[in-house]
Amino acid sequence: MTYEEQPGRSASRPLIGVTTYLEPEARWGAWEMPAALLPAQYPRLVQRAGGLASMLPPDEPGHAAATVARLDGLVLAGGGDVDPARYGAERHPRTGTPVPERDAWELALAEAALEAGVPLLGVCRGMQVLNVALGGTLTQHIDGHVGTPGVFGSHPVKPVPGTMYAALVPEETPVPTYHHQCVERLGAGVIASAHAEDGTVEAVEVPDARAWTLAVQWHPEMGEDDRVMRALVEAARG
């Protein structure tokens, strides 16, 4: 039986897993209870790029390899701050409350995807998770990349010539942004592939990874430029 013949598989729409938030309390309709959440813009972007989106709420880290084995591609979505203990740092006063279940799950997923050679795209927090998974560190607070709370800002990002990102997006371009942390020391095998005007690392990639591996600090799901997601979906087609 070929891959395409397997039940539930689609040669034309690769299965892209997208990680979710884990919130202690959410409200919709008549309900108010704990919830695994994913802004609708993420699956819409995956779908627009030609993929089939599947939500991946936090699970036991030991299940990460088996989960990744059933995916064609992985998106590590945005969200709250990674626990600084994960990269050996003391907590900054402005670092958010950690969600241990999410940190453990997403770090395990990143490691499993790298090990299995499954294409991976990190978005905002997801870029930070990828860097930490490979031994890098984060700057816990910067100014100028978050505007009004709950409102995405915009600033230009310049690609690094010769990188995979630059091949996808060769021009300087404005991006939707909302983050107060960024990459400090790059992890093993990680290179910077785009910067903001203030020098902040805005995209990273892993050239020697077994599969396409790229992460961006901004939120492509909040804009119209789908080149990065389309590249992930194309890589996921194999």
Protein backbone atom coordinates (compact mmCIF):
# COMPACT_ATOMS: atom_id res chain seq x y z
CA MET A 1 0.00 0.00 0.00
CA THR A 2 1.45 3.34 -1.01
CA TYR A 3 1.33 6.47 1.14
CA GLU A 4 -1.43 7.91 -1.01
CA GLU A 5 -3.51 4.72 -0.68
CA GLN A 6 -3.50 4.74 3.11
CA PRO A 7 -6.94 5.53 4.60
CA GLY A 8 -7.33 9.21 5.41
CA ARG A 9 -4.23 10.25 3.48
CA SER A 10 -4.31 12.81 0.68
CA ALA A 11 -1.56 13.25 -1.88
CA SER A 12 -2.77 16.76 -2.65
CA ARG A 13 -3.26 18.06 0.91
CA PRO A 14 -0.40 17.20 3.30
CA LEU A 15 -1.41 16.82 6.95
CA ILE A 16 0.04 19.74 8.93
CA GLY A 17 -0.12 19.54 12.71
CA VAL A 18 -0.42 22.88 14.53
CA THR A 19 0.21 23.19 18.26
CA THR A 20 -2.33 24.93 20.48
CA TYR A 21 -2.62 27.13 23.50
CA LEU A 22 -3.70 25.54 26.78
CA GLU A 23 -5.87 27.93 28.76
CA PRO A 24 -7.22 27.30 32.29
CA GLU A 25 -10.40 29.20 31.48
CA ALA A 26 -12.10 30.14 28.21
CA ARG A 27 -15.60 31.26 27.43
CA TRP A 28 -17.86 30.60 24.45
CA GLY A 29 -21.63 30.44 24.24
CA ALA A 30 -22.96 29.22 27.58
CA TRP A 31 -19.68 27.53 28.47
CA GLU A 32 -16.73 28.53 30.62
CA MET A 33 -14.07 25.87 31.13
CA PRO A 34 -10.45 24.89 30.39
CA ALA A 35 -9.70 24.77 26.68
CA ALA A 36 -7.06 23.99 24.09
CA LEU A 37 -7.23 26.99 21.75
CA LEU A 38 -5.93 27.89 18.33
CA PRO A 39 -6.73 31.19 16.59
CA ALA A 40 -8.61 30.39 13.38
CA GLN A 41 -6.04 32.27 11.30
CA TYR A 42 -3.58 29.36 11.70
CA PRO A 43 -5.69 26.63 10.07
CA ARG A 44 -6.94 29.12 7.50
CA LEU A 45 -3.35 29.88 6.47
CA VAL A 46 -2.51 26.18 6.30
CA GLN A 47 -5.60 25.58 4.15
CA ARG A 48 -4.86 28.55 1.90
CA ALA A 49 -1.36 27.18 1.38
CA GLY A 50 -2.76 23.81 0.30
CA GLY A 51 -2.47 21.82 3.53
CA LEU A 52 -4.88 19.99 5.83
CA ALA A 53 -4.66 21.43 9.36
CA SER A 54 -4.83 19.31 12.51
CA MET A 55 -4.71 20.72 16.05
CA LEU A 56 -2.13 19.27 18.44
CA PRO A 57 -3.09 20.14 22.04
CA PRO A 58 -0.51 19.42 24.76
CA ASP A 59 -0.01 15.72 25.41
CA GLU A 60 2.53 13.52 27.16
CA PRO A 61 6.00 14.25 25.74
CA GLY A 62 6.53 10.52 25.33
CA HIS A 63 3.87 10.54 22.59
CA ALA A 64 5.66 13.15 20.48
CA ALA A 65 7.56 10.79 18.20
CA ALA A 66 4.46 8.74 17.39
CA THR A 67 2.47 11.92 16.77
CA VAL A 68 5.07 13.38 14.43
CA ALA A 69 5.26 10.07 12.55
CA ARG A 70 1.64 10.58 11.47
CA LEU A 71 2.21 14.11 10.17
CA ASP A 72 3.56 15.47 6.91
CA GLY A 73 4.55 18.79 8.50
CA LEU A 74 4.54 20.56 11.86
CA VAL A 75 3.78 24.15 12.88
CA LEU A 76 4.85 25.30 16.35
CA ALA A 77 2.35 28.11 16.93
CA GLY A 78 2.69 31.37 18.84
CA GLY A 79 1.73 31.88 22.46
CA GLY A 80 3.11 32.67 25.89
CA ASP A 81 6.69 32.74 27.09
CA VAL A 82 8.83 29.62 27.35
CA ASP A 83 9.85 28.90 30.93
CA PRO A 84 13.38 30.40 31.27
CA ALA A 85 14.36 27.38 33.35
CA ARG A 86 14.27 25.46 30.07
CA TYR A 87 17.35 27.39 28.93
CA GLY A 88 19.03 27.83 32.31
CA ALA A 89 18.00 31.40 33.07
CA GLU A 90 16.38 33.16 35.99
CA ARG A 91 12.91 34.49 35.40
CA HIS A 92 12.72 38.15 34.32
CA PRO A 93 10.02 40.22 36.10
CA ARG A 94 8.23 40.72 32.77
CA THR A 95 8.33 37.08 31.69
CA GLY A 96 4.88 35.52 31.57
CA THR A 97 3.62 32.67 33.72
CA PRO A 98 4.91 29.40 32.24
CA VAL A 99 2.67 26.59 31.02
CA PRO A 100 4.80 23.50 31.77
CA GLU A 101 2.58 21.09 29.83
CA ARG A 102 2.88 23.14 26.67
CA ASP A 103 6.62 23.70 27.01
CA ALA A 104 7.31 20.00 27.51
CA TRP A 105 5.05 18.93 24.65
CA GLU A 106 6.32 21.41 22.08
CA LEU A 107 9.98 20.88 22.91
CA ALA A 108 9.40 17.14 22.49
CA LEU A 109 7.59 17.71 19.18
CA ALA A 110 10.41 19.89 17.88
CA GLU A 111 13.00 17.28 18.80
CA ALA A 112 10.91 14.49 17.27
CA ALA A 113 10.41 16.40 14.01
CA LEU A 114 14.13 17.11 13.72
CA GLU A 115 14.95 13.47 14.44
CA ALA A 116 12.37 12.09 12.00
CA GLY A 117 13.02 14.60 9.23
CA VAL A 118 9.52 16.10 9.27
CA PRO A 119 9.32 19.65 7.85
CA LEU A 120 8.86 22.23 10.62
CA LEU A 121 7.76 25.86 10.74
CA GLY A 122 7.98 27.85 13.98
CA VAL A 123 5.83 30.94 14.49
CA CYS A 124 6.78 33.54 17.14
CA ARG A 125 6.91 31.43 20.33
CA GLY A 126 7.49 28.49 18.00
CA MET A 127 10.75 30.04 16.81
CA GLN A 128 11.84 30.40 20.42
CA VAL A 129 10.86 26.79 21.18
CA LEU A 130 12.94 25.56 18.24
CA ASN A 131 15.96 27.57 19.35
CA VAL A 132 15.67 26.34 22.96
CA ALA A 133 15.22 22.73 21.77
CA LEU A 134 18.60 23.05 20.06
CA GLY A 135 20.34 24.49 23.11
CA GLY A 136 19.88 28.20 22.43
CA THR A 137 18.76 30.94 24.81
CA LEU A 138 16.27 33.82 24.75
CA THR A 139 16.27 37.49 25.65
CA GLN A 140 13.33 37.70 28.02
CA HIS A 141 12.23 41.25 27.29
CA ILE A 142 12.71 43.76 24.49
CA ASP A 143 10.78 46.92 23.66
CA GLY A 144 9.41 48.06 20.35
CA HIS A 145 7.88 44.83 19.01
CA VAL A 146 4.52 44.99 20.82
CA GLY A 147 2.18 47.92 20.46
CA THR A 148 -1.24 48.16 22.08
CA PRO A 149 -2.04 44.97 24.03
CA GLY A 150 -4.05 42.65 21.85
CA VAL A 151 -3.25 44.55 18.63
CA PHE A 152 -0.64 43.35 16.13
CA GLY A 153 1.94 45.86 15.02
CA SER A 154 4.09 45.93 11.89
CA HIS A 155 7.74 46.48 11.10
CA PRO A 156 10.07 45.63 8.21
CA VAL A 157 12.19 42.49 8.16
CA LYS A 158 15.31 42.14 6.03
CA PRO A 159 16.42 38.68 4.82
CA VAL A 160 20.01 37.46 5.14
CA PRO A 161 21.36 36.84 1.62
CA GLY A 162 22.04 33.21 0.77
CA THR A 163 19.59 31.76 3.30
CA MET A 164 16.57 29.59 2.64
CA TYR A 165 14.32 32.39 3.85
CA ALA A 166 15.92 34.85 1.44
CA ALA A 167 15.24 32.45 -1.42
CA LEU A 168 11.56 32.48 -0.45
CA VAL A 169 11.27 36.20 0.35
CA PRO A 170 14.20 38.04 -1.26
CA GLU A 171 12.96 41.55 -0.53
CA GLU A 172 12.65 43.51 2.72
CA THR A 173 9.02 43.25 3.73
CA PRO A 174 6.70 44.47 6.52
CA VAL A 175 5.42 41.72 8.81
CA PRO A 176 2.70 41.45 11.49
CA THR A 177 4.43 41.40 14.87
CA TYR A 178 3.56 40.86 18.52
CA HIS A 179 6.37 39.67 20.78
CA HIS A 180 8.44 40.90 23.72
CA GLN A 181 11.07 38.14 23.70
CA CYS A 182 13.56 37.08 21.05
CA VAL A 183 16.47 34.78 20.31
CA GLU A 184 19.65 35.58 22.25
CA ARG A 185 22.22 32.82 21.66
CA LEU A 186 21.50 30.65 18.64
CA GLY A 187 21.12 26.93 19.22
CA ALA A 188 23.34 24.26 17.69
CA GLY A 189 23.13 24.34 13.90
CA VAL A 190 20.75 27.31 13.91
CA ILE A 191 21.50 30.36 11.75
CA ALA A 192 19.78 33.74 11.56
CA SER A 193 18.04 34.33 8.23
CA ALA A 194 16.28 37.69 8.79
CA HIS A 195 16.59 40.71 11.08
CA ALA A 196 14.51 43.68 12.12
CA GLU A 197 15.92 47.19 11.78
CA ASP A 198 17.08 47.12 15.42
CA GLY A 199 19.06 43.92 14.82
CA THR A 200 16.55 41.55 16.44
CA VAL A 201 16.73 38.07 14.90
CA GLU A 202 13.41 37.68 13.07
CA ALA A 203 13.90 34.34 11.32
CA VAL A 204 16.10 31.31 11.85
CA GLU A 205 16.71 28.09 9.99
CA VAL A 206 18.65 24.85 10.42
CA PRO A 207 20.56 24.24 7.17
CA ASP A 208 21.80 20.78 8.13
CA ALA A 209 18.44 19.49 9.39
CA ARG A 210 17.09 16.32 7.80
CA ALA A 211 14.09 18.26 6.46
CA TRP A 212 12.96 21.82 5.75
CA THR A 213 13.21 23.70 9.07
CA LEU A 214 12.47 27.40 9.33
CA ALA A 215 11.02 29.66 12.02
CA VAL A 216 9.90 33.28 12.04
CA GLN A 217 9.42 35.66 14.95
CA TRP A 218 6.40 37.35 13.40
CA HIS A 219 2.86 36.10 12.72
CA PRO A 220 2.36 35.18 9.04
CA GLU A 221 -1.16 33.98 9.82
CA MET A 222 -2.12 37.61 10.46
CA GLY A 223 -1.00 38.84 7.04
CA GLU A 224 -1.57 38.16 3.37
CA ASP A 225 1.91 36.83 2.52
CA ASP A 226 1.66 33.03 2.54
CA ARG A 227 5.04 32.23 0.97
CA VAL A 228 6.53 30.77 4.13
CA MET A 229 3.55 28.50 4.80
CA ARG A 230 3.39 27.45 1.16
CA ALA A 231 7.04 26.44 1.39
CA LEU A 232 6.28 24.28 4.42
CA VAL A 233 3.35 22.62 2.66
CA GLU A 234 5.43 22.00 -0.44
CA ALA A 235 8.20 20.45 1.68
CA ALA A 236 5.56 18.32 3.41
CA ARG A 237 4.50 16.87 0.07
CA GLY A 238 7.88 15.16 0.02
